[in-house]
Protein backbone atom coordinates (compact mmCIF):
# COMPACT_ATOMS: atom_id res chain seq x y z
CA MET A 1 -1.20 1.93 20.68
CA ALA A 2 0.48 0.50 17.61
CA ALA A 3 1.80 2.26 14.57
CA SER A 4 0.12 -0.46 12.54
CA GLU A 5 2.14 -1.91 9.69
CA SER A 6 5.39 -0.98 11.43
CA TYR A 7 5.05 -3.34 14.39
CA VAL A 8 5.37 -0.63 17.02
CA ALA A 9 3.99 -1.41 20.45
CA SER A 10 3.98 1.59 22.71
CA HIS A 11 4.76 1.34 26.36
CA LEU A 12 3.90 4.87 27.31
CA ALA A 13 5.23 5.92 30.67
CA ASP A 14 4.46 9.10 32.55
CA SER A 15 7.74 10.99 32.51
CA ALA A 16 7.06 13.20 35.48
CA ALA A 17 9.38 10.96 37.47
CA PRO A 18 11.85 8.34 36.20
CA GLY A 19 10.33 5.62 38.34
CA SER A 20 6.72 6.36 37.48
CA MET A 21 5.04 3.98 35.04
CA ARG A 22 1.48 5.32 34.95
CA HIS A 23 0.08 5.05 31.41
CA ARG A 24 -1.21 8.16 29.75
CA ALA A 25 -2.76 9.08 26.42
CA PHE A 26 -0.85 8.61 23.22
CA PRO A 27 0.20 11.88 21.55
CA GLY A 28 -2.46 13.26 19.24
CA GLY A 29 -5.18 11.01 20.67
CA LEU A 30 -7.89 13.68 20.72
CA ASN A 31 -6.89 14.81 17.25
CA ARG A 32 -7.37 11.24 16.00
CA TYR A 33 -10.90 11.04 17.38
CA VAL A 34 -11.81 14.37 15.80
CA LEU A 35 -10.43 13.28 12.43
CA ALA A 36 -12.16 9.90 12.66
CA GLY A 37 -15.47 11.63 13.37
CA ALA A 38 -14.98 14.00 10.45
CA GLU A 39 -14.15 11.07 8.21
CA VAL A 40 -17.31 9.21 9.24
CA ILE A 41 -19.41 12.26 8.36
CA ALA A 42 -17.59 12.65 5.04
CA ASP A 43 -18.19 8.98 4.21
CA LEU A 44 -21.89 9.29 5.03
CA LEU A 45 -22.28 12.38 2.83
CA THR A 46 -20.33 10.73 0.01
CA CYS A 47 -22.60 7.69 0.02
CA VAL A 48 -25.71 9.91 -0.02
CA ALA A 49 -24.21 11.96 -2.86
CA SER A 50 -23.52 8.77 -4.83
CA LEU A 51 -27.15 7.67 -4.71
CA ILE A 52 -28.40 11.16 -5.54
CA ALA A 53 -26.06 11.30 -8.55
CA ALA A 54 -27.25 7.87 -9.67
CA TYR A 55 -30.86 9.03 -9.29
CA LEU A 56 -30.16 12.14 -11.40
CA VAL A 57 -28.55 9.98 -14.08
CA GLN A 58 -31.70 7.82 -14.05
CA ARG A 59 -33.89 10.91 -14.50
CA LYS A 60 -31.67 12.22 -17.29
CA VAL A 61 -31.66 8.94 -19.22
CA GLY A 62 -34.91 7.25 -18.25
CA GLY A 63 -37.11 10.26 -17.57
CA ASN A 64 -38.91 11.36 -14.44
CA LEU A 65 -40.47 8.30 -12.81
CA GLY A 66 -42.11 10.32 -10.06
CA TYR A 67 -39.80 8.88 -7.43
CA PRO A 68 -39.50 11.46 -4.59
CA LEU A 69 -36.04 12.88 -3.89
CA GLN A 70 -36.74 12.80 -0.14
CA ARG A 71 -36.96 9.02 -0.28
CA VAL A 72 -33.67 8.89 -2.19
CA LEU A 73 -32.04 10.95 0.57
CA ALA A 74 -33.35 8.56 3.22
CA ILE A 75 -32.19 5.50 1.31
CA GLY A 76 -28.81 7.17 0.74
CA ALA A 77 -28.45 7.71 4.49
CA VAL A 78 -29.09 4.00 5.06
CA GLN A 79 -26.48 3.18 2.42
CA GLY A 80 -24.03 5.51 4.17
CA LEU A 81 -24.67 3.77 7.48
CA PHE A 82 -23.96 0.38 5.87
CA ALA A 83 -20.70 1.70 4.38
CA VAL A 84 -19.53 3.30 7.63
CA LEU A 85 -20.18 0.09 9.59
CA LEU A 86 -18.31 -1.97 7.00
CA LEU A 87 -15.41 0.49 6.94
CA SER A 88 -15.25 0.56 10.72
CA ALA A 89 -15.22 -3.25 10.86
CA SER A 90 -12.26 -3.30 8.46
CA GLY A 91 -10.27 -0.80 10.57
CA ALA A 92 -10.58 2.14 8.18
CA TYR A 93 -10.92 4.64 11.03
CA GLY A 94 -7.98 3.33 13.01
CA GLY A 95 -5.60 6.15 12.09
CA CYS A 96 -2.83 4.29 10.25
CA SER A 97 -2.44 4.38 6.50
CA SER A 98 -0.88 1.43 4.75
CA LEU A 99 2.05 1.21 2.38
CA MET A 100 1.24 3.63 -0.47
CA ARG A 101 -2.37 3.75 0.85
CA ILE A 102 -3.28 0.61 -1.09
CA ARG A 103 -5.35 -0.81 1.77
CA GLU A 104 -7.34 2.43 2.01
CA THR A 105 -8.37 1.96 -1.62
CA GLU A 106 -9.07 -1.72 -0.97
CA ARG A 107 -11.34 -0.91 1.97
CA ALA A 108 -13.15 1.83 0.06
CA VAL A 109 -13.83 -0.45 -2.92
CA ARG A 110 -14.91 -3.39 -0.78
CA ALA A 111 -17.14 -1.38 1.58
CA ALA A 112 -18.73 0.62 -1.26
CA ILE A 113 -19.61 -2.45 -3.34
CA GLN A 114 -20.83 -4.42 -0.32
CA ALA A 115 -22.93 -1.49 0.94
CA ALA A 116 -24.43 -0.87 -2.49
CA LEU A 117 -25.30 -4.56 -2.95
CA LEU A 118 -26.70 -4.77 0.58
CA LEU A 119 -28.82 -1.69 -0.09
CA SER A 120 -30.10 -3.23 -3.32
CA PHE A 121 -31.18 -6.30 -1.37
CA VAL A 122 -32.96 -4.22 1.30
CA VAL A 123 -34.68 -2.06 -1.33
CA SER A 124 -35.88 -5.22 -3.09
CA ILE A 125 -37.13 -6.84 0.13
CA LEU A 126 -38.99 -3.69 1.21
CA ALA A 127 -40.35 -3.13 -2.33
CA LEU A 128 -39.14 0.48 -2.38
CA GLN A 129 -38.92 0.31 -6.18
CA LEU A 130 -35.70 2.27 -6.58
CA PRO A 131 -35.09 2.60 -10.36
CA PRO A 132 -32.85 -0.27 -11.59
CA MET A 133 -30.55 2.03 -13.54
CA ALA A 134 -30.00 4.15 -10.43
CA VAL A 135 -29.07 1.02 -8.47
CA LEU A 136 -26.57 -0.08 -11.15
CA VAL A 137 -24.99 3.36 -11.51
CA ASN A 138 -24.71 3.62 -7.74
CA VAL A 139 -22.79 0.33 -7.48
CA PHE A 140 -20.11 1.61 -9.87
CA LEU A 141 -20.13 5.26 -8.78
CA MET A 142 -19.83 4.93 -5.00
CA PRO A 143 -16.34 3.30 -4.97
CA VAL A 144 -15.04 6.06 -7.24
CA LEU A 145 -16.47 8.83 -5.07
CA LEU A 146 -15.25 7.22 -1.84
CA ILE A 147 -11.70 6.83 -3.17
CA PHE A 148 -11.68 10.45 -4.36
CA GLN A 149 -13.13 11.77 -1.10
CA LYS A 150 -10.59 9.88 1.00
CA GLN A 151 -7.74 11.20 -1.12
CA VAL A 152 -8.98 14.76 -0.61
CA THR A 153 -9.39 14.18 3.14
CA HIS A 154 -5.88 12.73 3.35
CA SER A 155 -4.39 15.71 1.47
CA LEU A 156 -6.23 18.25 3.63
CA THR A 157 -5.02 16.58 6.83
CA GLN A 158 -1.44 16.59 5.55
CA ALA A 159 -1.75 20.27 4.65
CA LEU A 160 -2.89 21.07 8.21
CA HIS A 161 0.08 19.16 9.62
CA VAL A 162 2.49 21.07 7.40
CA ARG A 163 1.13 24.25 8.99
CA GLY A 164 1.61 22.77 12.47
CA TYR A 165 -2.03 21.99 13.32
CA GLY A 166 -2.99 18.77 15.12
CA CYS A 167 0.46 17.21 14.90
CA LYS A 168 2.94 15.92 17.48
CA ARG A 169 6.65 15.46 16.84
CA ALA A 170 8.44 12.09 16.99
CA VAL A 171 12.09 11.01 16.92
CA ILE A 172 12.92 7.60 15.42
CA TYR A 173 15.83 5.69 16.94
CA GLY A 174 16.98 3.12 14.40
CA ALA A 175 17.63 3.62 10.68
CA GLY A 176 17.32 -0.01 9.59
CA GLU A 177 14.40 -1.78 7.94
CA ALA A 178 12.06 -1.29 10.90
CA GLY A 179 13.00 2.39 11.20
CA ARG A 180 12.32 3.03 7.55
CA ARG A 181 8.93 1.33 7.70
CA ILE A 182 7.91 3.22 10.85
CA THR A 183 9.02 6.55 9.40
CA SER A 184 7.21 5.88 6.12
CA THR A 185 4.03 4.79 7.93
CA LEU A 186 3.97 7.92 10.10
CA LEU A 187 4.61 10.23 7.15
CA HIS A 188 1.79 8.61 5.19
CA SER A 189 -0.62 8.45 8.15
CA PRO A 190 -1.63 12.01 9.00
CA LYS A 191 -4.59 10.78 11.07
CA LEU A 192 -2.10 9.48 13.64
CA GLY A 193 -0.95 13.03 14.27
CA LEU A 194 2.73 12.04 14.58
CA GLN A 195 5.37 13.74 12.43
CA PRO A 196 8.91 12.26 12.32
CA VAL A 197 11.36 15.12 12.84
CA ALA A 198 14.63 13.19 13.10
CA VAL A 199 16.09 9.71 12.69
CA TRP A 200 18.99 8.43 14.79
CA SER A 201 21.27 5.68 13.59
CA ASP A 202 21.66 2.57 15.66
CA GLY A 203 24.80 1.70 13.71
CA SER A 204 23.00 -0.41 11.08
CA VAL A 205 23.52 1.99 8.14
CA PRO A 206 26.67 3.70 6.77
CA ALA A 207 27.29 7.26 7.86
CA SER A 208 26.81 8.60 4.32
CA ASP A 209 23.29 7.20 3.91
CA GLY A 210 19.93 8.81 4.45
CA LEU A 211 16.67 7.10 5.23
CA SER A 212 14.68 6.68 2.00
CA VAL A 213 10.93 6.79 2.52
CA LEU A 214 8.83 3.97 1.07
CA GLY A 215 6.29 5.22 -1.45
CA TYR A 216 5.46 6.04 -5.04
CA ARG A 217 8.15 8.63 -5.62
CA ARG A 218 11.60 9.20 -4.24
CA GLU A 219 10.68 12.68 -3.14
CA SER A 220 12.83 12.81 -0.05
CA ALA A 221 15.42 10.91 1.92
CA ILE A 222 15.45 11.83 5.59
CA PRO A 223 19.01 12.51 6.84
CA VAL A 224 20.22 10.16 9.53
CA ARG A 225 21.95 11.61 12.58
CA PHE A 226 24.84 9.74 14.16
CA GLU A 227 25.75 11.66 17.32
CA PRO A 228 24.81 10.14 20.69
CA LEU A 229 21.18 10.69 21.59
CA ALA A 230 20.75 12.98 24.59
CA ALA A 231 17.82 14.40 26.52
CA SER A 232 18.90 17.94 25.67
CA THR A 233 18.75 17.11 21.96
CA LEU A 234 15.23 15.72 22.28
CA ARG A 235 14.15 18.86 24.11
CA SER A 236 15.71 21.09 21.44
CA LEU A 237 13.75 19.22 18.76
CA ARG A 238 10.55 19.83 20.76
CA CYS A 239 9.54 16.22 20.24
CA ASN A 240 6.73 14.45 22.09
CA LEU A 241 7.63 10.81 21.46
CA LEU A 242 10.75 8.67 21.09
CA ILE A 243 10.22 5.52 18.99
CA MET A 244 12.90 2.87 19.39
CA ALA A 245 12.79 1.24 15.96
CA GLU A 246 15.47 -1.33 16.66
CA PRO A 247 13.95 -4.71 17.53
CA HIS A 248 17.19 -6.14 18.94
CA LEU A 249 18.04 -3.63 21.64
CA SER A 250 19.62 -5.17 24.70
CA ALA A 251 18.02 -4.66 28.10
CA ALA A 252 20.73 -2.16 29.02
CA GLN A 253 20.24 -0.18 25.79
CA PHE A 254 16.50 -0.17 26.29
CA GLU A 255 16.80 1.14 29.82
CA GLU A 256 19.25 3.81 28.67
CA MET A 257 16.90 5.05 25.93
CA LYS A 258 13.95 5.01 28.32
CA SER A 259 15.96 7.03 30.83
CA ILE A 260 16.87 9.60 28.17
CA ALA A 261 13.21 9.93 27.18
CA ASN A 262 12.18 10.33 30.82
CA GLN A 263 14.80 13.05 31.33
CA ALA A 264 13.45 14.86 28.26
CA GLY A 265 9.90 14.56 29.61
CA ILE A 266 8.54 12.67 26.61
CA LEU A 267 6.83 9.35 25.95
CA VAL A 268 8.61 6.30 24.58
CA ALA A 269 7.50 3.48 22.24
CA PHE A 270 9.40 0.48 20.97
CA VAL A 271 9.29 -2.23 18.33
CA SER A 272 7.66 -5.32 19.76
CA GLU A 273 8.80 -7.91 17.25
CA SER A 274 11.54 -8.34 14.70
CA ALA A 275 10.86 -7.02 11.23
CA ALA A 276 12.55 -10.16 9.97
CA HIS A 277 9.39 -12.01 11.00
CA ALA A 278 7.07 -9.42 9.52
CA GLU A 279 5.84 -11.89 6.93
CA MET A 280 4.47 -14.15 9.67
CA GLN A 281 1.23 -13.83 11.55
CA GLN A 282 0.74 -14.78 15.16
CA SER A 283 -1.57 -17.52 16.36
CA VAL A 284 -2.39 -17.21 20.07
CA ALA A 285 -3.99 -19.90 22.22
CA ASP A 286 -5.13 -19.43 25.81
CA ILE A 287 -4.53 -22.69 27.73
CA ASP A 288 -5.86 -22.32 31.24
CA GLY A 289 -4.55 -18.78 31.51
CA VAL A 290 -1.22 -19.48 29.76
CA LEU A 291 -0.85 -17.72 26.39
CA LEU A 292 0.99 -19.72 23.73
CA THR A 293 2.08 -17.77 20.65
CA SER A 294 3.01 -19.50 17.41
CA PRO A 295 3.90 -17.85 14.10
CA HIS A 296 2.19 -19.07 10.96
CA GLU A 297 2.30 -18.04 7.35
CA HIS A 298 -0.43 -16.07 5.63
CA SER A 299 -2.81 -18.41 3.84
CA THR A 300 -5.31 -17.59 1.14
CA SER A 301 -8.78 -19.03 0.72
CA TRP A 302 -9.86 -21.12 -2.25
CA SER A 303 -12.36 -18.40 -3.17
CA TYR A 304 -9.59 -15.81 -3.44
CA ALA A 305 -7.50 -18.12 -5.62
CA PHE A 306 -10.51 -18.94 -7.80
CA PHE A 307 -11.63 -15.34 -8.35
CA LYS A 308 -8.05 -14.12 -8.84
CA ARG A 309 -7.51 -16.68 -11.60
CA ALA A 310 -10.91 -15.94 -13.14
CA VAL A 311 -10.15 -12.21 -13.28
CA ASP A 312 -6.69 -12.92 -14.70
CA VAL A 313 -8.08 -15.02 -17.55
CA PHE A 314 -10.99 -12.70 -18.29
CA ALA A 315 -8.98 -9.47 -18.16
CA ALA A 316 -6.00 -10.87 -20.11
CA THR A 317 -8.32 -12.15 -22.85
CA ILE A 318 -10.21 -8.86 -23.15
CA LEU A 319 -6.99 -6.80 -23.12
CA LEU A 320 -5.24 -8.96 -25.71
CA ILE A 321 -8.23 -8.68 -28.04
CA GLY A 322 -8.88 -5.00 -27.38
CA LEU A 323 -5.22 -3.98 -27.58
CA SER A 324 -4.37 -6.15 -30.59
CA PRO A 325 -4.01 -3.11 -32.92
CA VAL A 326 -1.65 -1.47 -30.39
CA LEU A 327 0.35 -4.70 -30.03
CA CYS A 328 0.76 -4.98 -33.81
CA ILE A 329 1.85 -1.35 -34.16
CA VAL A 330 4.37 -1.64 -31.32
CA ALA A 331 5.76 -4.88 -32.75
CA LEU A 332 6.21 -3.20 -36.13
CA LEU A 333 7.92 -0.16 -34.59
CA VAL A 334 10.33 -2.39 -32.65
CA ARG A 335 11.30 -4.26 -35.85
CA LEU A 336 11.78 -1.03 -37.80
CA SER A 337 13.74 0.77 -35.08
CA SER A 338 16.60 -1.76 -34.85
CA PRO A 339 17.61 -5.19 -36.19
CA GLY A 340 16.19 -8.14 -34.28
CA PRO A 341 12.88 -9.71 -33.28
CA SER A 342 9.96 -7.78 -31.82
CA LEU A 343 9.54 -10.07 -28.84
CA PHE A 344 12.15 -10.68 -26.17
CA ILE A 345 11.85 -14.02 -24.37
CA GLN A 346 13.74 -14.47 -21.14
CA ARG A 347 13.83 -17.18 -18.48
CA ARG A 348 12.52 -15.91 -15.14
CA VAL A 349 11.91 -17.39 -11.69
CA GLY A 350 8.28 -17.81 -10.68
CA ARG A 351 6.36 -19.18 -7.74
CA ASP A 352 8.31 -21.60 -5.52
CA GLY A 353 11.42 -21.08 -7.64
CA GLU A 354 10.01 -22.61 -10.83
CA PHE A 355 11.43 -21.32 -14.13
CA PHE A 356 9.26 -20.01 -16.96
CA ASP A 357 9.67 -18.02 -20.17
CA MET A 358 8.52 -14.40 -19.84
CA TYR A 359 7.52 -12.34 -22.89
CA LYS A 360 8.29 -8.67 -23.45
CA PHE A 361 8.66 -6.31 -26.37
CA ARG A 362 12.36 -5.93 -27.09
CA THR A 363 13.64 -2.57 -25.81
CA MET A 364 17.39 -3.16 -26.12
CA VAL A 365 19.73 -3.80 -29.04
CA SER A 366 19.66 -7.42 -30.17
CA ASP A 367 23.31 -8.10 -29.22
CA ALA A 368 22.86 -6.92 -25.59
CA PRO A 369 23.54 -9.63 -22.98
CA ARG A 370 20.37 -11.64 -22.43
CA TYR A 371 20.95 -11.96 -18.68
CA ALA A 372 22.31 -8.82 -17.06
CA VAL A 373 21.17 -6.11 -14.68
CA SER A 374 18.25 -4.24 -16.23
CA PRO A 375 18.70 -0.60 -17.30
CA VAL A 376 17.85 1.88 -14.54
CA THR A 377 18.19 5.09 -16.58
CA SER A 378 16.93 6.12 -20.01
CA SER A 379 20.51 6.95 -21.04
CA ASP A 380 21.60 3.30 -20.89
CA PRO A 381 23.35 2.63 -24.25
CA ARG A 382 21.69 -0.79 -24.54
CA LEU A 383 18.27 0.81 -25.00
CA THR A 384 16.91 1.51 -28.46
CA SER A 385 15.11 4.77 -29.28
CA ILE A 386 11.68 3.12 -29.31
CA GLY A 387 12.70 1.02 -26.30
CA ARG A 388 13.08 4.14 -24.15
CA VAL A 389 9.53 5.20 -25.01
CA LEU A 390 8.11 1.73 -24.40
CA ARG A 391 9.77 1.46 -20.99
CA HIS A 392 8.60 4.93 -19.95
CA LEU A 393 5.00 4.03 -20.84
CA SER A 394 5.38 0.41 -19.61
CA LEU A 395 4.15 -0.82 -23.01
CA ASP A 396 7.01 -3.31 -23.19
CA GLU A 397 5.21 -5.37 -20.52
CA LEU A 398 2.03 -5.94 -22.57
CA PRO A 399 3.10 -9.34 -24.02
CA GLN A 400 3.13 -10.67 -20.46
CA LEU A 401 -0.65 -10.92 -20.81
CA ILE A 402 0.23 -14.17 -22.60
CA ASN A 403 1.98 -15.31 -19.43
CA VAL A 404 -1.12 -14.40 -17.44
CA LEU A 405 -3.28 -16.52 -19.73
CA SER A 406 -0.89 -19.47 -19.48
CA GLY A 407 -0.93 -19.25 -15.67
CA THR A 408 2.78 -18.59 -15.11
CA MET A 409 2.03 -15.00 -14.06
CA SER A 410 -0.84 -13.00 -12.62
CA LEU A 411 -2.00 -9.44 -13.23
CA VAL A 412 -0.94 -8.57 -9.66
CA GLY A 413 2.03 -10.00 -7.79
CA PRO A 414 5.77 -9.61 -7.11
CA ARG A 415 7.96 -8.96 -10.12
CA PRO A 416 9.65 -12.13 -11.49
CA GLU A 417 13.43 -11.96 -11.23
CA MET A 418 16.23 -13.41 -13.37
CA PRO A 419 17.79 -16.73 -12.21
CA PHE A 420 21.31 -15.37 -11.69
CA ILE A 421 19.96 -12.78 -9.24
CA VAL A 422 17.72 -15.26 -7.39
CA ALA A 423 20.79 -17.48 -6.94
CA THR A 424 22.22 -14.78 -4.63
CA TYR A 425 19.09 -14.53 -2.45
CA ASN A 426 19.29 -15.24 1.26
CA ASP A 427 16.49 -17.08 3.05
CA HIS A 428 14.66 -13.86 3.89
CA GLN A 429 14.74 -12.63 0.29
CA ARG A 430 13.49 -15.97 -1.05
CA LEU A 431 10.24 -15.40 0.83
CA ARG A 432 9.07 -13.25 -2.09
CA LEU A 433 8.93 -16.39 -4.26
CA ARG A 434 6.01 -17.87 -2.32
CA VAL A 435 3.34 -16.28 -4.53
CA LYS A 436 2.81 -16.15 -8.29
CA PRO A 437 4.65 -13.21 -9.92
CA GLY A 438 2.68 -10.42 -11.54
CA ILE A 439 2.75 -7.71 -14.18
CA THR A 440 2.03 -5.01 -11.62
CA GLY A 441 2.35 -4.83 -7.85
CA LEU A 442 3.46 -2.66 -4.96
CA TRP A 443 7.17 -2.73 -5.85
CA GLN A 444 6.39 -1.99 -9.50
CA LEU A 445 4.44 1.12 -8.43
CA SER A 446 7.04 2.39 -5.98
CA ALA A 447 10.11 4.57 -6.35
CA ALA A 448 12.16 1.52 -5.31
CA ARG A 449 11.65 -0.04 -8.76
CA ALA A 450 14.74 1.90 -9.83
CA PHE A 451 16.76 -0.27 -7.44
CA PRO A 452 17.25 -4.05 -7.05
CA ILE A 453 14.09 -5.91 -6.05
CA HIS A 454 15.76 -8.02 -3.38
CA GLU A 455 16.99 -4.87 -1.62
CA ASN A 456 13.41 -3.58 -1.32
CA ILE A 457 11.37 -6.67 -0.52
CA GLU A 458 9.21 -4.84 2.03
CA TYR A 459 6.71 -4.21 -0.77
CA ASP A 460 6.43 -7.86 -1.78
CA LEU A 461 6.23 -9.12 1.80
CA TYR A 462 3.57 -6.54 2.59
CA TYR A 463 1.53 -7.79 -0.36
CA GLN A 464 1.92 -11.40 0.73
CA ARG A 465 0.63 -10.62 4.23
CA HIS A 466 -2.40 -8.63 3.13
CA ARG A 467 -3.36 -9.90 -0.32
CA THR A 468 -7.07 -10.19 -1.00
CA PHE A 469 -9.26 -9.94 -4.07
CA PHE A 470 -10.10 -6.33 -3.27
CA MET A 471 -6.43 -5.48 -2.65
CA ASP A 472 -5.64 -6.76 -6.14
CA ILE A 473 -8.40 -4.52 -7.49
CA ALA A 474 -6.97 -1.60 -5.50
CA ILE A 475 -3.48 -2.20 -6.92
CA LEU A 476 -4.91 -2.28 -10.46
CA ILE A 477 -6.69 1.02 -9.78
CA HIS A 478 -3.47 2.58 -8.49
CA THR A 479 -1.64 1.21 -11.53
CA ILE A 480 -4.04 3.01 -13.86
CA PHE A 481 -3.59 6.34 -12.08
CA PHE A 482 0.15 5.76 -11.79
CA ALA A 483 0.43 5.09 -15.53
CA VAL A 484 -1.67 8.15 -16.33
CA GLY A 485 0.60 10.21 -14.09
CA GLY A 486 3.65 9.11 -16.08
CA GLY A 487 5.37 7.35 -13.17
CA ILE A 488 8.39 8.89 -11.52
């Protein structure tokens, strides 16, 4: 059983005796099946509700066409079945949530649109004569309802876990990059039924540090414990699973940790591959019974590149035209608030290390150093009064729509960094330069945006591994809600 994005492979031994290696069920297994079943039912009902709502809109706008509601219910059930099958095929019921639940939104949008379009085709073939307006409303409404329903389901499951229902307790050994990703994944994946209760240091972090959880807001940093791990401590924490989140444990260390877990009577899981190679996928070939594994980079299809560019051009054009009054007003306010130009042009590093000029509304005084660490607090003396407001509302980024049109940036992608910072990158950090930079992205939405990008590249590498057209749509949806929520 894997903890998904965190590269955990569990080798679950029966701890009744130290030498016994009989596999047994992963903690919370039954709970996961119950939750998955409940989620399937909720998805089915949501899809039926979407078609009923679309039908009622049709009746309200187009009048009563004499179309029986019973037939709408039957067609809605078929639509729900399509959506559930598509969601299941994409792994939506697997238990693990992704970083900031972006992939959950991606799956909901993709499955809803595909199911609605598939239903439209079936209705047309069978000549069921479903009102056209109802079909159109359904295509746009179902993704919205699915996203909302899944958010409610996620929140309810978390609330049950807070009260101690359906949740097992896990200890994480390792406070490095892998440990942080595992802890974050478990905290954001209530369907797994595993709650991290403590993190032990493997010596990779300073004693004064805590483990900051990846996510939208810096709501908590889990304290890291540094005393030797002992079976008595695990028993006192009433934990059910020990996760060794250190991919470079020696054989002796591994055996020692496994022995401690056996003495405590709990299961043990461990990281199966280095987080340093997290950006790589594995290609496996079976040659006459011999498995050969070779890492390869994530590649994107021509269709993804084509549609991504098409959406970039279309959306940037519409937004520049539609927001032109706002752009003019902001430019005027910047000029009136302090001496200097309205636009700030700065050289940034794009895809494959190429330089380009990035456009922003000026938020700092005109004599501030052009290339320096960006302000991280609103009290930074370099910021102007209007600049503080623009940064809080992210309006200073709007001129980058020009960059999107020119092709040097995309709507979604890693944030472009300044050359003097990129010059300090190591090989691992330079991996984030393999895709076109964007206005918004996972790092831009996270609490880590208050800290240096290269120290939090998990977000960018995650995006590189999983990027699809529907993931880009999901990130844009999360950006809208994030902006409405006022950020951190």
